Amino acid sequence: MSQPRDQWKRVLRPLGDCVAIERFGEILMSEERAHIASCGRCHAEMELWKSFNDDATTPREAADVRWIVDEIAHRRAGEPAVVPMSSRKSGMPRMLFAASVIFVILGIAYLLNNRQPTMDVSAAHDLVYRSAGIKVIAPSGDVAAAPVRLEWTGIPSAVSYDVRVVEVDRALLWRVSTGETRVDVPPAVRAQFVPGKTILWEVTARREATVLAESGTQKFRVAVK
């Protein structure tokens, strides 16, 4: 069993006049070319060097590259891997196979290290409240008299509420910020709630600079007597 291996080792062992690999890309002397042609080790290294530095891409290699890209996409989507046809038929060349393994490993490492960040509990609660919105208590719709107070439901963790009162053309009548879930309307503002005139108002719940929830635009109108 060891005899063929010993012969193989003797053929591939370096000799004193073996050509350095660094010389393969340079212009070789006639003595060096003759040595490479007669030396099994140098001949094998030269062929391997040529295969590594050959820029020509065969159709089979192009298919293997496409498989590498598809493999990354399959792994990201959680789908089973697909064995390339060229590899099933005759095996992937050593250089391309090594590059494929490195490419796939780097791709997997990238995906593992660039996952979508998980949402923390506080952010999840904020989104829920913004989706639900602030429920307005009063005033809404037609009212008998100019309202003296604006009221709404509270939002947990809200620090303040911004209130805006505007006309239908969005002209600002009044705005205020409060820590309560209600606010009294000043007499000067109430005087502008004339019968038959539609008034719009809205509330925004905040925690410092973060918007937690919004009421959307609400409207009321003092009925004409």
Protein backbone atom coordinates (compact mmCIF):
# COMPACT_ATOMS: atom_id res chain seq x y z
CA MET A 1 0.00 0.00 0.00
CA SER A 2 2.86 2.38 0.77
CA GLN A 3 4.84 1.74 -2.44
CA PRO A 4 2.68 3.83 -4.81
CA ARG A 5 2.56 6.58 -2.20
CA ASP A 6 6.34 6.55 -1.84
CA GLN A 7 6.73 6.73 -5.60
CA TRP A 8 4.31 9.63 -5.73
CA LYS A 9 6.23 11.46 -3.01
CA ARG A 10 9.53 10.90 -4.82
CA VAL A 11 8.08 12.31 -8.05
CA LEU A 12 6.69 15.43 -6.31
CA ARG A 13 9.55 16.16 -3.94
CA PRO A 14 11.40 19.38 -4.76
CA LEU A 15 14.79 19.14 -6.41
CA GLY A 16 17.68 21.52 -6.08
CA ASP A 17 17.02 23.16 -9.44
CA CYS A 18 13.20 23.37 -9.13
CA VAL A 19 11.73 26.65 -10.37
CA ALA A 20 10.20 28.91 -7.71
CA ILE A 21 6.47 29.53 -8.09
CA GLU A 22 7.15 33.27 -8.11
CA ARG A 23 8.93 32.79 -11.44
CA PHE A 24 5.92 31.25 -13.22
CA GLY A 25 4.50 34.64 -14.15
CA GLU A 26 7.82 35.88 -15.53
CA ILE A 27 9.78 35.10 -18.72
CA LEU A 28 11.50 31.77 -18.11
CA MET A 29 14.91 30.80 -19.32
CA SER A 30 15.27 27.80 -21.64
CA GLU A 31 16.85 25.78 -18.83
CA GLU A 32 13.88 26.52 -16.56
CA ARG A 33 11.36 25.55 -19.23
CA ALA A 34 13.22 22.30 -19.85
CA HIS A 35 13.27 21.54 -16.14
CA ILE A 36 9.53 22.18 -15.77
CA ALA A 37 8.83 19.84 -18.69
CA SER A 38 10.85 17.02 -17.09
CA CYS A 39 10.06 17.60 -13.39
CA GLY A 40 6.75 16.14 -12.24
CA ARG A 41 6.51 18.49 -9.29
CA CYS A 42 7.23 21.69 -11.24
CA HIS A 43 4.98 20.58 -14.10
CA ALA A 44 2.09 20.00 -11.68
CA GLU A 45 2.66 23.35 -9.99
CA MET A 46 2.79 25.14 -13.34
CA GLU A 47 -0.52 23.60 -14.47
CA LEU A 48 -2.14 24.51 -11.16
CA TRP A 49 -0.78 28.05 -11.39
CA LYS A 50 -2.17 28.39 -14.92
CA SER A 51 -5.59 27.21 -13.77
CA PHE A 52 -5.56 29.76 -10.95
CA ASN A 53 -4.55 32.62 -13.22
CA ASP A 54 -6.65 31.76 -16.25
CA ASP A 55 -9.17 34.59 -16.78
CA ALA A 56 -11.31 32.59 -19.19
CA THR A 57 -14.61 31.50 -17.68
CA THR A 58 -16.12 28.27 -18.90
CA PRO A 59 -19.91 27.82 -19.14
CA ARG A 60 -19.70 25.33 -16.28
CA GLU A 61 -17.89 27.85 -14.08
CA ALA A 62 -20.46 30.53 -14.95
CA ALA A 63 -23.21 28.13 -13.90
CA ASP A 64 -21.42 27.47 -10.62
CA VAL A 65 -21.17 31.20 -9.93
CA ARG A 66 -24.90 31.55 -10.55
CA TRP A 67 -25.49 28.69 -8.14
CA ILE A 68 -23.48 30.49 -5.46
CA VAL A 69 -25.69 33.57 -5.79
CA ASP A 70 -28.84 31.44 -5.74
CA GLU A 71 -27.56 29.53 -2.69
CA ILE A 72 -27.19 32.76 -0.72
CA ALA A 73 -30.73 33.77 -1.70
CA HIS A 74 -32.10 30.33 -0.70
CA ARG A 75 -30.37 30.43 2.67
CA ARG A 76 -31.71 33.91 3.36
CA ALA A 77 -35.25 32.80 2.50
CA GLY A 78 -34.91 29.61 4.55
CA GLU A 79 -35.31 27.38 1.49
CA PRO A 80 -33.40 24.10 0.94
CA ALA A 81 -30.09 24.31 -0.87
CA VAL A 82 -29.87 23.42 -4.55
CA VAL A 83 -26.95 21.29 -5.77
CA PRO A 84 -25.51 22.78 -8.97
CA MET A 85 -25.79 20.60 -12.08
CA SER A 86 -22.12 20.98 -12.94
CA SER A 87 -21.11 19.69 -9.50
CA ARG A 88 -23.47 16.71 -9.74
CA LYS A 89 -22.06 15.71 -13.10
CA SER A 90 -18.34 16.07 -12.85
CA GLY A 91 -17.43 17.88 -9.64
CA MET A 92 -16.58 21.52 -9.16
CA PRO A 93 -12.96 22.55 -9.94
CA ARG A 94 -10.87 22.85 -6.82
CA MET A 95 -10.30 26.58 -7.17
CA LEU A 96 -13.97 27.35 -7.82
CA PHE A 97 -15.11 24.98 -5.10
CA ALA A 98 -12.85 26.68 -2.53
CA ALA A 99 -14.07 30.09 -3.66
CA SER A 100 -17.67 28.89 -3.42
CA VAL A 101 -17.22 27.66 0.14
CA ILE A 102 -15.62 30.94 1.19
CA PHE A 103 -18.31 32.96 -0.60
CA VAL A 104 -21.15 31.00 1.01
CA ILE A 105 -19.58 31.24 4.48
CA LEU A 106 -19.09 34.99 4.11
CA GLY A 107 -22.66 35.35 2.87
CA ILE A 108 -24.06 33.41 5.80
CA ALA A 109 -21.95 35.41 8.24
CA TYR A 110 -23.22 38.64 6.68
CA LEU A 111 -26.84 37.53 7.01
CA LEU A 112 -26.36 36.45 10.62
CA ASN A 113 -24.70 39.73 11.56
CA ASN A 114 -27.16 41.95 9.64
CA ARG A 115 -30.48 40.67 10.85
CA GLN A 116 -33.31 43.13 11.26
CA PRO A 117 -33.09 44.64 14.75
CA THR A 118 -35.64 43.36 17.20
CA MET A 119 -38.20 45.81 18.47
CA ASP A 120 -37.98 46.61 22.15
CA VAL A 121 -41.04 46.49 24.37
CA SER A 122 -41.41 50.24 24.72
CA ALA A 123 -41.27 50.76 20.94
CA ALA A 124 -43.88 48.04 20.44
CA HIS A 125 -46.20 49.76 22.91
CA ASP A 126 -45.67 53.08 21.17
CA LEU A 127 -46.70 51.59 17.83
CA VAL A 128 -49.80 50.02 19.36
CA TYR A 129 -50.94 53.33 20.83
CA ARG A 130 -50.25 55.25 17.65
CA SER A 131 -52.27 52.68 15.71
CA ALA A 132 -55.15 52.80 18.19
CA GLY A 133 -55.17 56.60 18.45
CA ILE A 134 -56.59 58.89 21.13
CA LYS A 135 -60.32 58.65 21.72
CA VAL A 136 -62.01 62.04 21.96
CA ILE A 137 -64.70 62.42 24.65
CA ALA A 138 -66.04 65.94 23.93
CA PRO A 139 -66.88 68.09 22.11
CA SER A 140 -67.87 66.34 18.89
CA GLY A 141 -70.55 66.97 16.28
CA ASP A 142 -73.30 69.51 16.88
CA VAL A 143 -73.29 71.03 20.37
CA ALA A 144 -75.86 73.28 22.04
CA ALA A 145 -73.36 75.88 23.26
CA ALA A 146 -69.73 76.82 22.92
CA PRO A 147 -67.77 74.17 24.87
CA VAL A 148 -65.88 75.25 27.95
CA ARG A 149 -63.61 72.19 28.01
CA LEU A 150 -61.92 69.72 25.63
CA GLU A 151 -61.60 66.12 26.89
CA TRP A 152 -60.00 62.90 25.63
CA THR A 153 -58.81 59.49 26.88
CA GLY A 154 -55.32 59.17 28.30
CA ILE A 155 -52.41 57.15 26.89
CA PRO A 156 -50.16 55.21 29.31
CA SER A 157 -46.61 56.59 29.51
CA ALA A 158 -47.65 59.87 27.88
CA VAL A 159 -46.01 62.87 29.55
CA SER A 160 -47.91 65.64 27.79
CA TYR A 161 -50.69 66.31 25.30
CA ASP A 162 -50.49 68.94 22.57
CA VAL A 163 -53.89 70.44 21.71
CA ARG A 164 -54.62 72.46 18.57
CA VAL A 165 -57.86 74.25 17.70
CA VAL A 166 -58.20 75.52 14.13
CA GLU A 167 -60.79 76.72 11.65
CA VAL A 168 -61.74 74.69 8.57
CA ASP A 169 -59.08 76.52 6.54
CA ARG A 170 -56.52 75.38 9.17
CA ALA A 171 -56.09 78.88 10.54
CA LEU A 172 -54.89 78.49 14.13
CA LEU A 173 -57.26 79.67 16.84
CA TRP A 174 -55.49 78.23 19.90
CA ARG A 175 -52.96 75.71 20.98
CA VAL A 176 -51.78 74.51 24.37
CA SER A 177 -49.76 71.70 25.98
CA THR A 178 -50.93 69.99 29.17
CA GLY A 179 -50.20 66.95 31.31
CA GLU A 180 -53.92 66.31 31.89
CA THR A 181 -56.53 64.61 29.70
CA ARG A 182 -58.67 67.73 29.60
CA VAL A 183 -58.14 71.42 29.17
CA ASP A 184 -60.38 74.44 29.82
CA VAL A 185 -60.98 76.71 26.85
CA PRO A 186 -60.22 80.42 27.53
CA PRO A 187 -63.17 82.82 27.11
CA ALA A 188 -61.46 84.66 24.26
CA VAL A 189 -61.21 81.38 22.31
CA ARG A 190 -64.79 80.36 23.16
CA ALA A 191 -66.00 83.66 21.72
CA GLN A 192 -64.82 82.47 18.29
CA PHE A 193 -67.07 79.37 18.44
CA VAL A 194 -69.98 81.19 16.83
CA PRO A 195 -73.17 79.28 15.92
CA GLY A 196 -73.02 77.50 12.56
CA LYS A 197 -69.23 77.70 12.36
CA THR A 198 -67.34 74.39 12.16
CA ILE A 199 -64.33 74.15 14.47
CA LEU A 200 -61.57 71.52 14.17
CA TRP A 201 -59.36 70.28 16.97
CA GLU A 202 -56.78 67.54 17.54
CA VAL A 203 -54.69 66.05 20.33
CA THR A 204 -51.19 64.53 20.18
CA ALA A 205 -49.80 62.43 23.05
CA ARG A 206 -46.06 62.74 23.61
CA ARG A 207 -43.31 61.36 25.76
CA GLU A 208 -40.66 64.03 25.44
CA ALA A 209 -39.95 64.20 21.68
CA THR A 210 -41.66 60.89 20.90
CA VAL A 211 -45.21 60.94 19.52
CA LEU A 212 -47.18 58.12 21.18
CA ALA A 213 -50.67 58.62 19.74
CA GLU A 214 -52.84 61.07 17.84
CA SER A 215 -56.56 61.74 17.84
CA GLY A 216 -56.80 62.78 14.24
CA THR A 217 -58.82 65.84 13.29
CA GLN A 218 -62.08 66.18 15.26
CA LYS A 219 -64.82 68.71 14.58
CA PHE A 220 -67.76 70.29 16.30
CA ARG A 221 -70.27 73.07 15.54
CA VAL A 222 -72.41 75.19 17.77
CA ALA A 223 -75.99 74.72 16.70
CA VAL A 224 -77.84 77.69 15.28
CA LYS A 225 -80.86 78.62 17.44
